[in-house]
Amino acid sequence: MQERGPEQALKASAAARRWGLVVALAAVVIAVDHATKWWALQELPGNPIDLLWTLRLRLVFNTGAAFGLGSRYAPVIALAALVVVLVLVRTARLLSTWPSVVGVGLVLGGALGNLADRLLREADGILGGAVVDFIDLQWWPVFNVADIAINLGAVVIIVASMREPAFGDGPGAGAGQDPVEDAPGRSGS
């Protein structure tokens, strides 16, 4: 059996904390997404609620991809979402900064929230369930909390990638950075 040095143990510990943060954030997104979808299913059928300006809560069942496009291909879209989830799970272990961990956690939670709809809602065939959407701006396609998380997470990942040096660039790039330990309000000791 090969012994692990202190540096390897610290890297493994940091990776475990990053993974734990991604999973925790994804779980929060899934919980909020499904709680709001449950509420929408109980309160909104046939009873849209006008809130402010063009913001309306209106129940819609989306069998397509983003913004209802490609509804004939719901199973293919669900399989693509599953591939994205698997890639995110694999990638999450390699993340090195706080923003990238948060971005992947948001995208993963949103993707799993909508994928759960595809798997668990009444469907025409395997993975053909409709996603519950209910936030209607009346000038944009109707969406849900998972969609917000996916888009916000994607923006965070893009901005983080533009601000991070490439692997191996600059002194200590990527080395020793722990998004959990370096988070605001945390001390490194």
N, C-alpha and C. Protein backbone atom coordinates (compact mmCIF):
# COMPACT_ATOMS: atom_id res chain seq x y z
N MET A 1 0.84 -1.19 0.00
CA MET A 1 0.00 0.00 0.00
C MET A 1 0.88 1.24 0.00
N GLN A 2 0.55 2.19 -0.83
CA GLN A 2 1.34 3.40 -0.95
C GLN A 2 0.88 4.42 0.09
N GLU A 3 1.87 5.00 0.81
CA GLU A 3 1.53 6.00 1.82
C GLU A 3 1.32 7.35 1.16
N ARG A 4 0.42 8.11 1.72
CA ARG A 4 0.14 9.44 1.21
C ARG A 4 0.86 10.46 2.07
N GLY A 5 1.50 11.38 1.40
CA GLY A 5 2.18 12.45 2.12
C GLY A 5 1.19 13.51 2.55
N PRO A 6 1.66 14.45 3.38
CA PRO A 6 0.76 15.51 3.86
C PRO A 6 0.17 16.35 2.74
N GLU A 7 0.95 16.59 1.69
CA GLU A 7 0.44 17.40 0.58
C GLU A 7 -0.69 16.68 -0.15
N GLN A 8 -0.54 15.37 -0.36
CA GLN A 8 -1.59 14.59 -1.02
C GLN A 8 -2.84 14.53 -0.16
N ALA A 9 -2.65 14.40 1.16
CA ALA A 9 -3.80 14.36 2.07
C ALA A 9 -4.55 15.68 2.05
N LEU A 10 -3.82 16.80 2.00
CA LEU A 10 -4.46 18.12 1.94
C LEU A 10 -5.23 18.29 0.63
N LYS A 11 -4.65 17.84 -0.48
CA LYS A 11 -5.35 17.94 -1.77
C LYS A 11 -6.62 17.11 -1.77
N ALA A 12 -6.53 15.89 -1.21
CA ALA A 12 -7.71 15.03 -1.14
C ALA A 12 -8.78 15.65 -0.25
N SER A 13 -8.35 16.26 0.85
CA SER A 13 -9.30 16.90 1.77
C SER A 13 -9.97 18.10 1.10
N ALA A 14 -9.19 18.90 0.38
CA ALA A 14 -9.74 20.06 -0.32
C ALA A 14 -10.72 19.61 -1.40
N ALA A 15 -10.38 18.54 -2.13
CA ALA A 15 -11.27 18.03 -3.18
C ALA A 15 -12.57 17.53 -2.57
N ALA A 16 -12.49 16.88 -1.41
CA ALA A 16 -13.69 16.39 -0.74
C ALA A 16 -14.57 17.56 -0.29
N ARG A 17 -13.97 18.64 0.20
CA ARG A 17 -14.75 19.82 0.61
C ARG A 17 -15.42 20.47 -0.60
N ARG A 18 -14.68 20.57 -1.71
CA ARG A 18 -15.27 21.15 -2.93
C ARG A 18 -16.44 20.30 -3.40
N TRP A 19 -16.26 18.99 -3.44
CA TRP A 19 -17.32 18.08 -3.85
C TRP A 19 -18.52 18.22 -2.92
N GLY A 20 -18.27 18.29 -1.62
CA GLY A 20 -19.35 18.45 -0.65
C GLY A 20 -20.12 19.74 -0.85
N LEU A 21 -19.42 20.81 -1.18
CA LEU A 21 -20.08 22.09 -1.43
C LEU A 21 -20.92 22.04 -2.70
N VAL A 22 -20.40 21.42 -3.75
CA VAL A 22 -21.17 21.27 -5.00
C VAL A 22 -22.45 20.49 -4.72
N VAL A 23 -22.32 19.37 -3.99
CA VAL A 23 -23.49 18.52 -3.70
C VAL A 23 -24.49 19.28 -2.82
N ALA A 24 -24.00 20.00 -1.81
CA ALA A 24 -24.91 20.74 -0.92
C ALA A 24 -25.66 21.83 -1.69
N LEU A 25 -24.95 22.56 -2.53
CA LEU A 25 -25.60 23.62 -3.30
C LEU A 25 -26.61 23.04 -4.28
N ALA A 26 -26.24 21.94 -4.95
CA ALA A 26 -27.17 21.28 -5.87
C ALA A 26 -28.42 20.80 -5.12
N ALA A 27 -28.23 20.26 -3.92
CA ALA A 27 -29.38 19.78 -3.13
C ALA A 27 -30.31 20.92 -2.75
N VAL A 28 -29.75 22.08 -2.41
CA VAL A 28 -30.58 23.25 -2.07
C VAL A 28 -31.38 23.69 -3.30
N VAL A 29 -30.73 23.74 -4.46
CA VAL A 29 -31.42 24.13 -5.69
C VAL A 29 -32.56 23.15 -5.99
N ILE A 30 -32.29 21.85 -5.88
CA ILE A 30 -33.32 20.84 -6.15
C ILE A 30 -34.49 21.00 -5.18
N ALA A 31 -34.18 21.21 -3.90
CA ALA A 31 -35.25 21.34 -2.90
C ALA A 31 -36.12 22.57 -3.17
N VAL A 32 -35.49 23.71 -3.44
CA VAL A 32 -36.26 24.94 -3.71
C VAL A 32 -37.04 24.79 -5.01
N ASP A 33 -36.40 24.21 -6.03
CA ASP A 33 -37.07 24.01 -7.31
C ASP A 33 -38.31 23.15 -7.15
N HIS A 34 -38.19 22.03 -6.48
CA HIS A 34 -39.34 21.13 -6.36
C HIS A 34 -40.39 21.64 -5.38
N ALA A 35 -39.97 22.39 -4.37
CA ALA A 35 -40.97 23.00 -3.48
C ALA A 35 -41.80 24.03 -4.24
N THR A 36 -41.16 24.83 -5.08
CA THR A 36 -41.90 25.84 -5.84
C THR A 36 -42.76 25.18 -6.92
N LYS A 37 -42.26 24.10 -7.52
CA LYS A 37 -43.08 23.38 -8.51
C LYS A 37 -44.30 22.74 -7.85
N TRP A 38 -44.11 22.19 -6.66
CA TRP A 38 -45.24 21.60 -5.92
C TRP A 38 -46.27 22.68 -5.64
N TRP A 39 -45.81 23.86 -5.18
CA TRP A 39 -46.73 24.96 -4.91
C TRP A 39 -47.48 25.35 -6.19
N ALA A 40 -46.73 25.48 -7.30
CA ALA A 40 -47.37 25.86 -8.57
C ALA A 40 -48.42 24.86 -9.00
N LEU A 41 -48.13 23.58 -8.82
CA LEU A 41 -49.11 22.55 -9.19
C LEU A 41 -50.36 22.61 -8.32
N GLN A 42 -50.22 23.05 -7.08
CA GLN A 42 -51.37 23.13 -6.17
C GLN A 42 -52.19 24.40 -6.39
N GLU A 43 -51.52 25.52 -6.66
CA GLU A 43 -52.18 26.82 -6.65
C GLU A 43 -52.48 27.44 -8.02
N LEU A 44 -51.77 27.05 -9.04
CA LEU A 44 -51.86 27.79 -10.30
C LEU A 44 -52.72 27.20 -11.41
N PRO A 45 -53.12 25.93 -11.37
CA PRO A 45 -53.92 25.43 -12.50
C PRO A 45 -55.18 26.27 -12.72
N GLY A 46 -55.26 26.88 -13.89
CA GLY A 46 -56.43 27.69 -14.24
C GLY A 46 -56.55 28.98 -13.44
N ASN A 47 -55.52 29.34 -12.68
CA ASN A 47 -55.59 30.51 -11.81
C ASN A 47 -54.27 31.27 -11.81
N PRO A 48 -53.89 31.90 -12.94
CA PRO A 48 -52.64 32.65 -12.97
C PRO A 48 -52.68 33.82 -11.99
N ILE A 49 -51.52 34.18 -11.47
CA ILE A 49 -51.42 35.27 -10.50
C ILE A 49 -50.54 36.36 -11.10
N ASP A 50 -51.13 37.56 -11.29
CA ASP A 50 -50.37 38.71 -11.76
C ASP A 50 -49.70 39.35 -10.56
N LEU A 51 -48.38 39.57 -10.65
CA LEU A 51 -47.64 40.12 -9.52
C LEU A 51 -47.23 41.58 -9.73
N LEU A 52 -46.33 41.81 -10.65
CA LEU A 52 -45.78 43.15 -10.83
C LEU A 52 -45.44 43.35 -12.29
N TRP A 53 -45.85 44.47 -12.85
CA TRP A 53 -45.59 44.81 -14.24
C TRP A 53 -46.00 43.64 -15.12
N THR A 54 -45.06 42.96 -15.80
CA THR A 54 -45.44 41.84 -16.65
C THR A 54 -45.20 40.49 -15.97
N LEU A 55 -44.75 40.50 -14.73
CA LEU A 55 -44.46 39.25 -14.03
C LEU A 55 -45.76 38.57 -13.60
N ARG A 56 -45.92 37.36 -14.07
CA ARG A 56 -47.12 36.58 -13.78
C ARG A 56 -46.68 35.15 -13.44
N LEU A 57 -47.39 34.53 -12.52
CA LEU A 57 -47.18 33.11 -12.22
C LEU A 57 -48.29 32.34 -12.92
N ARG A 58 -47.88 31.49 -13.88
CA ARG A 58 -48.83 30.75 -14.71
C ARG A 58 -48.26 29.37 -14.98
N LEU A 59 -49.04 28.34 -14.71
CA LEU A 59 -48.59 26.97 -14.85
C LEU A 59 -48.52 26.55 -16.32
N VAL A 60 -47.35 26.00 -16.70
CA VAL A 60 -47.12 25.50 -18.06
C VAL A 60 -46.35 24.19 -17.93
N PHE A 61 -46.68 23.22 -18.77
CA PHE A 61 -45.93 21.96 -18.80
C PHE A 61 -45.09 21.95 -20.06
N ASN A 62 -43.79 21.91 -19.90
CA ASN A 62 -42.84 22.02 -21.00
C ASN A 62 -42.27 20.65 -21.34
N THR A 63 -42.59 20.14 -22.51
CA THR A 63 -42.06 18.86 -22.95
C THR A 63 -40.81 19.02 -23.81
N GLY A 64 -40.44 20.25 -24.12
CA GLY A 64 -39.27 20.49 -24.95
C GLY A 64 -38.03 20.80 -24.14
N ALA A 65 -37.05 21.36 -24.82
CA ALA A 65 -35.81 21.76 -24.17
C ALA A 65 -35.99 23.18 -23.65
N ALA A 66 -34.91 23.93 -23.65
CA ALA A 66 -34.97 25.31 -23.18
C ALA A 66 -36.04 26.07 -23.96
N PHE A 67 -36.91 26.72 -23.24
CA PHE A 67 -37.96 27.57 -23.80
C PHE A 67 -38.96 26.79 -24.66
N GLY A 68 -39.10 25.51 -24.39
CA GLY A 68 -40.09 24.69 -25.06
C GLY A 68 -39.71 24.23 -26.46
N LEU A 69 -38.49 24.48 -26.89
CA LEU A 69 -38.07 24.07 -28.23
C LEU A 69 -37.84 22.57 -28.28
N GLY A 70 -38.16 21.95 -29.37
CA GLY A 70 -37.87 20.54 -29.59
C GLY A 70 -38.73 19.58 -28.79
N SER A 71 -40.00 19.89 -28.60
CA SER A 71 -40.86 19.05 -27.75
C SER A 71 -41.02 17.64 -28.28
N ARG A 72 -40.80 17.42 -29.59
CA ARG A 72 -40.91 16.07 -30.14
C ARG A 72 -39.74 15.19 -29.71
N TYR A 73 -38.69 15.80 -29.19
CA TYR A 73 -37.47 15.07 -28.85
C TYR A 73 -37.22 15.00 -27.34
N ALA A 74 -38.26 14.98 -26.54
CA ALA A 74 -38.13 15.01 -25.08
C ALA A 74 -37.20 13.92 -24.55
N PRO A 75 -37.30 12.66 -24.98
CA PRO A 75 -36.38 11.65 -24.46
C PRO A 75 -34.91 11.93 -24.81
N VAL A 76 -34.66 12.43 -26.01
CA VAL A 76 -33.29 12.77 -26.42
C VAL A 76 -32.77 13.93 -25.56
N ILE A 77 -33.63 14.90 -25.31
CA ILE A 77 -33.26 16.04 -24.47
C ILE A 77 -32.94 15.57 -23.06
N ALA A 78 -33.74 14.66 -22.54
CA ALA A 78 -33.50 14.13 -21.18
C ALA A 78 -32.18 13.36 -21.13
N LEU A 79 -31.87 12.59 -22.16
CA LEU A 79 -30.60 11.87 -22.20
C LEU A 79 -29.43 12.85 -22.28
N ALA A 80 -29.58 13.91 -23.05
CA ALA A 80 -28.53 14.93 -23.12
C ALA A 80 -28.34 15.58 -21.76
N ALA A 81 -29.43 15.84 -21.04
CA ALA A 81 -29.33 16.41 -19.70
C ALA A 81 -28.61 15.45 -18.76
N LEU A 82 -28.86 14.17 -18.91
CA LEU A 82 -28.18 13.16 -18.10
C LEU A 82 -26.68 13.17 -18.37
N VAL A 83 -26.30 13.31 -19.63
CA VAL A 83 -24.87 13.39 -19.99
C VAL A 83 -24.25 14.64 -19.35
N VAL A 84 -24.95 15.76 -19.40
CA VAL A 84 -24.46 16.99 -18.78
C VAL A 84 -24.25 16.78 -17.28
N VAL A 85 -25.19 16.14 -16.63
CA VAL A 85 -25.06 15.86 -15.19
C VAL A 85 -23.82 15.02 -14.93
N LEU A 86 -23.62 13.98 -15.71
CA LEU A 86 -22.44 13.12 -15.51
C LEU A 86 -21.14 13.88 -15.73
N VAL A 87 -21.10 14.74 -16.74
CA VAL A 87 -19.91 15.56 -16.98
C VAL A 87 -19.67 16.51 -15.81
N LEU A 88 -20.73 17.13 -15.31
CA LEU A 88 -20.58 18.05 -14.18
C LEU A 88 -20.09 17.33 -12.92
N VAL A 89 -20.61 16.13 -12.69
CA VAL A 89 -20.16 15.36 -11.52
C VAL A 89 -18.67 15.05 -11.64
N ARG A 90 -18.26 14.67 -12.82
CA ARG A 90 -16.83 14.37 -13.05
C ARG A 90 -15.98 15.62 -12.94
N THR A 91 -16.44 16.73 -13.48
CA THR A 91 -15.70 17.98 -13.47
C THR A 91 -15.61 18.59 -12.07
N ALA A 92 -16.63 18.39 -11.27
CA ALA A 92 -16.68 19.04 -9.95
C ALA A 92 -15.48 18.68 -9.09
N ARG A 93 -14.92 17.53 -9.27
CA ARG A 93 -13.76 17.11 -8.47
C ARG A 93 -12.50 17.86 -8.85
N LEU A 94 -12.48 18.50 -10.01
CA LEU A 94 -11.29 19.19 -10.50
C LEU A 94 -11.32 20.70 -10.28
N LEU A 95 -12.40 21.21 -9.75
CA LEU A 95 -12.55 22.65 -9.61
C LEU A 95 -11.56 23.21 -8.60
N SER A 96 -11.11 24.44 -8.86
CA SER A 96 -10.08 25.00 -7.99
C SER A 96 -10.44 26.35 -7.37
N THR A 97 -11.57 26.93 -7.73
CA THR A 97 -11.92 28.24 -7.16
C THR A 97 -13.36 28.25 -6.65
N TRP A 98 -13.59 29.14 -5.75
CA TRP A 98 -14.90 29.31 -5.14
C TRP A 98 -15.98 29.56 -6.20
N PRO A 99 -15.83 30.53 -7.12
CA PRO A 99 -16.89 30.77 -8.11
C PRO A 99 -17.18 29.56 -8.98
N SER A 100 -16.17 28.82 -9.39
CA SER A 100 -16.43 27.67 -10.26
C SER A 100 -17.18 26.58 -9.51
N VAL A 101 -16.90 26.41 -8.22
CA VAL A 101 -17.63 25.43 -7.40
C VAL A 101 -19.10 25.84 -7.30
N VAL A 102 -19.35 27.12 -7.04
CA VAL A 102 -20.73 27.61 -6.93
C VAL A 102 -21.44 27.47 -8.27
N GLY A 103 -20.79 27.84 -9.36
CA GLY A 103 -21.40 27.74 -10.68
C GLY A 103 -21.78 26.31 -11.03
N VAL A 104 -20.89 25.37 -10.79
CA VAL A 104 -21.19 23.97 -11.11
C VAL A 104 -22.30 23.45 -10.19
N GLY A 105 -22.30 23.84 -8.92
CA GLY A 105 -23.37 23.43 -8.01
C GLY A 105 -24.73 23.91 -8.48
N LEU A 106 -24.79 25.16 -8.95
CA LEU A 106 -26.05 25.71 -9.46
C LEU A 106 -26.52 24.98 -10.72
N VAL A 107 -25.62 24.79 -11.67
CA VAL A 107 -25.99 24.11 -12.92
C VAL A 107 -26.40 22.66 -12.64
N LEU A 108 -25.64 21.98 -11.79
CA LEU A 108 -25.95 20.59 -11.47
C LEU A 108 -27.32 20.49 -10.79
N GLY A 109 -27.60 21.35 -9.82
CA GLY A 109 -28.90 21.33 -9.15
C GLY A 109 -30.05 21.61 -10.10
N GLY A 110 -29.87 22.60 -10.97
CA GLY A 110 -30.91 22.92 -11.94
C GLY A 110 -31.14 21.80 -12.94
N ALA A 111 -30.05 21.22 -13.43
CA ALA A 111 -30.18 20.11 -14.39
C ALA A 111 -30.87 18.91 -13.74
N LEU A 112 -30.50 18.60 -12.51
CA LEU A 112 -31.14 17.47 -11.82
C LEU A 112 -32.60 17.76 -11.50
N GLY A 113 -32.92 19.01 -11.17
CA GLY A 113 -34.30 19.38 -10.88
C GLY A 113 -35.20 19.17 -12.08
N ASN A 114 -34.74 19.63 -13.24
CA ASN A 114 -35.55 19.45 -14.46
C ASN A 114 -35.53 18.00 -14.94
N LEU A 115 -34.40 17.32 -14.76
CA LEU A 115 -34.32 15.91 -15.14
C LEU A 115 -35.28 15.07 -14.30
N ALA A 116 -35.40 15.40 -13.03
CA ALA A 116 -36.36 14.68 -12.16
C ALA A 116 -37.78 14.83 -12.70
N ASP A 117 -38.13 16.01 -13.20
CA ASP A 117 -39.45 16.19 -13.82
C ASP A 117 -39.61 15.25 -15.00
N ARG A 118 -38.60 15.17 -15.84
CA ARG A 118 -38.66 14.31 -17.03
C ARG A 118 -38.84 12.85 -16.63
N LEU A 119 -38.21 12.45 -15.53
CA LEU A 119 -38.27 11.06 -15.09
C LEU A 119 -39.54 10.73 -14.31
N LEU A 120 -40.03 11.66 -13.51
CA LEU A 120 -41.08 11.35 -12.53
C LEU A 120 -42.47 11.84 -12.89
N ARG A 121 -42.59 12.77 -13.79
CA ARG A 121 -43.92 13.27 -14.16
C ARG A 121 -44.55 12.34 -15.19
N GLU A 122 -45.88 12.40 -15.27
CA GLU A 122 -46.61 11.58 -16.24
C GLU A 122 -45.99 11.78 -17.62
N ALA A 123 -45.73 10.66 -18.30
CA ALA A 123 -44.98 10.76 -19.54
C ALA A 123 -45.55 9.87 -20.63
N ASP A 124 -45.21 10.25 -21.85
CA ASP A 124 -45.47 9.41 -23.01
C ASP A 124 -44.16 8.70 -23.34
N GLY A 125 -43.88 7.62 -22.66
CA GLY A 125 -42.65 6.88 -22.90
C GLY A 125 -41.57 7.24 -21.89
N ILE A 126 -40.44 6.59 -22.06
CA ILE A 126 -39.31 6.78 -21.15
C ILE A 126 -38.74 8.18 -21.30
N LEU A 127 -38.52 8.85 -20.19
CA LEU A 127 -37.93 10.20 -20.11
C LEU A 127 -38.76 11.25 -20.82
N GLY A 128 -40.03 11.01 -21.02
CA GLY A 128 -40.87 11.94 -21.76
C GLY A 128 -41.71 12.86 -20.91
N GLY A 129 -41.48 12.88 -19.60
CA GLY A 129 -42.27 13.73 -18.72
C GLY A 129 -42.05 15.21 -18.99
N ALA A 130 -43.03 16.01 -18.63
CA ALA A 130 -42.96 17.45 -18.85
C ALA A 130 -42.37 18.16 -17.63
N VAL A 131 -41.60 19.19 -17.90
CA VAL A 131 -41.04 20.03 -16.84
C VAL A 131 -42.09 21.06 -16.45
N VAL A 132 -42.26 21.27 -15.15
CA VAL A 132 -43.20 22.27 -14.64
C VAL A 132 -42.54 23.64 -14.69
N ASP A 133 -43.11 24.56 -15.47
CA ASP A 133 -42.65 25.95 -15.54
C ASP A 133 -43.79 26.83 -15.06
N PHE A 134 -43.44 27.96 -14.42
CA PHE A 134 -44.52 28.80 -13.90
C PHE A 134 -44.17 30.28 -13.77
N ILE A 135 -42.95 30.68 -14.02
CA ILE A 135 -42.58 32.10 -13.94
C ILE A 135 -42.70 32.68 -15.34
N ASP A 136 -43.66 33.56 -15.51
CA ASP A 136 -44.01 34.07 -16.84
C ASP A 136 -43.82 35.58 -16.86
N LEU A 137 -42.85 36.05 -17.65
CA LEU A 137 -42.63 37.48 -17.80
C LEU A 137 -43.51 38.06 -18.91
N GLN A 138 -44.17 37.22 -19.66
CA GLN A 138 -45.06 37.55 -20.77
C GLN A 138 -44.32 38.10 -21.99
N TRP A 139 -43.03 38.28 -21.90
CA TRP A 139 -42.24 38.68 -23.05
C TRP A 139 -41.03 37.76 -23.21
N TRP A 140 -41.00 36.69 -22.42
CA TRP A 140 -39.94 35.68 -22.45
C TRP A 140 -40.60 34.33 -22.19
N PRO A 141 -40.03 33.25 -22.66
CA PRO A 141 -40.64 31.94 -22.38
C PRO A 141 -40.78 31.68 -20.87
N VAL A 142 -41.78 30.93 -20.50
CA VAL A 142 -42.06 30.61 -19.10
C VAL A 142 -40.94 29.70 -18.58
N PHE A 143 -40.52 29.90 -17.32
CA PHE A 143 -39.39 29.15 -16.78
C PHE A 143 -39.64 28.82 -15.32
N ASN A 144 -38.64 28.20 -14.66
CA ASN A 144 -38.77 27.79 -13.27
C ASN A 144 -37.47 28.07 -12.51
N VAL A 145 -37.40 27.68 -11.25
CA VAL A 145 -36.23 27.93 -10.41
C VAL A 145 -35.02 27.17 -10.94
N ALA A 146 -35.21 25.95 -11.42
CA ALA A 146 -34.09 25.18 -11.98
C ALA A 146 -33.47 25.91 -13.17
N ASP A 147 -34.32 26.49 -14.02
CA ASP A 147 -33.82 27.23 -15.17
C ASP A 147 -33.00 28.45 -14.73
N ILE A 148 -33.47 29.12 -13.69
CA ILE A 148 -32.72 30.27 -13.15
C ILE A 148 -31.36 29.80 -12.67
N ALA A 149 -31.32 28.69 -11.93
CA ALA A 149 -30.06 28.17 -11.40
C ALA A 149 -29.10 27.79 -12.53
N ILE A 150 -29.62 27.13 -13.57
CA ILE A 150 -28.78 26.73 -14.70
C ILE A 150 -28.15 27.94 -15.37
N ASN A 151 -28.97 28.95 -15.65
CA ASN A 151 -28.46 30.14 -16.34
C ASN A 151 -27.52 30.95 -15.47
N LEU A 152 -27.86 31.14 -14.20
CA LEU A 152 -26.99 31.86 -13.29
C LEU A 152 -25.66 31.12 -13.11
N GLY A 153 -25.74 29.80 -12.94
CA GLY A 153 -24.52 29.00 -12.79
C GLY A 153 -23.64 29.07 -14.03
N ALA A 154 -24.26 29.03 -15.21
CA ALA A 154 -23.48 29.14 -16.46
C ALA A 154 -22.76 30.47 -16.54
N VAL A 155 -23.44 31.55 -16.17
CA VAL A 155 -22.80 32.88 -16.18
C VAL A 155 -21.64 32.91 -15.18
N VAL A 156 -21.84 32.37 -13.99
CA VAL A 156 -20.77 32.33 -12.98
C VAL A 156 -19.57 31.54 -13.51
N ILE A 157 -19.83 30.39 -14.13
CA ILE A 157 -18.73 29.58 -14.67
C ILE A 157 -17.98 30.34 -15.76
N ILE A 158 -18.71 30.98 -16.66
CA ILE A 158 -18.07 31.74 -17.75
C ILE A 158 -17.22 32.88 -17.19
N VAL A 159 -17.78 33.66 -16.28
CA VAL A 159 -17.03 34.77 -15.69
C VAL A 159 -15.82 34.25 -14.93
N ALA A 160 -16.01 33.18 -14.16
CA ALA A 160 -14.89 32.61 -13.40
C ALA A 160 -13.79 32.12 -14.33
N SER A 161 -14.17 31.50 -15.44
CA SER A 161 -13.16 30.99 -16.36
C SER A 161 -12.40 32.11 -17.05
N MET A 162 -13.04 33.25 -17.25
CA MET A 162 -12.36 34.39 -17.87
C MET A 162 -11.41 35.06 -16.88
N ARG A 163 -11.69 34.92 -15.60
CA ARG A 163 -10.87 35.57 -14.58
C ARG A 163 -9.76 34.68 -14.06
N GLU A 164 -9.89 33.36 -14.21
CA GLU A 164 -8.89 32.41 -13.71
C GLU A 164 -7.77 32.27 -14.71
N PRO A 165 -6.53 32.16 -14.21
CA PRO A 165 -5.45 31.85 -15.14
C PRO A 165 -5.58 30.40 -15.59
N ALA A 166 -5.10 30.12 -16.76
CA ALA A 166 -5.13 28.74 -17.26
C ALA A 166 -4.24 27.89 -16.37
N PHE A 167 -4.49 26.58 -16.34
CA PHE A 167 -3.67 25.69 -15.53
C PHE A 167 -2.21 25.88 -15.91
N GLY A 168 -1.39 26.10 -14.91
CA GLY A 168 0.04 26.25 -15.14
C GLY A 168 0.47 27.68 -15.44
N ASP A 169 -0.45 28.61 -15.60
CA ASP A 169 -0.10 30.01 -15.85
C ASP A 169 0.14 30.73 -14.54
N GLY A 170 1.18 31.48 -14.48
CA GLY A 170 1.43 32.31 -13.31
C GLY A 170 1.92 31.52 -12.12
N PRO A 171 2.42 32.23 -11.11
CA PRO A 171 2.96 31.56 -9.93
C PRO A 171 1.86 30.89 -9.12
N GLY A 172 1.98 29.60 -8.94
CA GLY A 172 1.05 28.86 -8.08
C GLY A 172 -0.35 28.77 -8.62
N ALA A 173 -0.53 28.94 -9.91
CA ALA A 173 -1.88 28.91 -10.48
C ALA A 173 -2.53 27.57 -10.21
N GLY A 174 -3.67 27.61 -9.56
CA GLY A 174 -4.43 26.41 -9.27
C GLY A 174 -3.91 25.62 -8.09
N ALA A 175 -2.69 25.87 -7.67
CA ALA A 175 -2.11 25.09 -6.58
C ALA A 175 -2.48 25.70 -5.24
N GLY A 176 -2.94 24.88 -4.36
CA GLY A 176 -3.21 25.32 -3.00
C GLY A 176 -4.46 26.16 -2.85
N GLN A 177 -5.21 26.36 -3.89
CA GLN A 177 -6.43 27.15 -3.76
C GLN A 177 -7.54 26.24 -3.30
N ASP A 178 -8.18 26.61 -2.24
CA ASP A 178 -9.30 25.83 -1.73
C ASP A 178 -10.49 26.76 -1.61
N PRO A 179 -11.51 26.58 -2.45
CA PRO A 179 -12.63 27.51 -2.42
C PRO A 179 -13.37 27.52 -1.09
N VAL A 180 -13.32 26.43 -0.35
CA VAL A 180 -14.00 26.41 0.94
C VAL A 180 -13.20 27.17 1.97
N GLU A 181 -11.88 26.92 2.02
CA GLU A 181 -11.03 27.60 2.99
C GLU A 181 -10.84 29.07 2.64
N ASP A 182 -10.84 29.41 1.34
CA ASP A 182 -10.62 30.78 0.92
C ASP A 182 -11.90 31.61 0.88
N ALA A 183 -13.02 31.00 1.26
CA ALA A 183 -14.30 31.70 1.22
C ALA A 183 -14.32 32.85 2.21
N PRO A 184 -15.06 33.91 1.89
CA PRO A 184 -15.18 35.02 2.82
C PRO A 184 -15.71 34.54 4.17
N GLY A 185 -15.08 35.01 5.22
CA GLY A 185 -15.53 34.67 6.56
C GLY A 185 -14.94 33.38 7.10
N ARG A 186 -14.09 32.71 6.32
CA ARG A 186 -13.44 31.47 6.78
C ARG A 186 -11.98 31.75 7.01
N SER A 187 -11.45 31.20 8.06
CA SER A 187 -10.02 31.30 8.29
C SER A 187 -9.37 30.01 7.86
N GLY A 188 -8.14 30.09 7.40
CA GLY A 188 -7.48 28.93 6.86
C GLY A 188 -6.84 28.04 7.88
N SER A 189 -7.02 28.27 9.17
CA SER A 189 -6.32 27.43 10.16
C SER A 189 -7.12 26.28 10.64
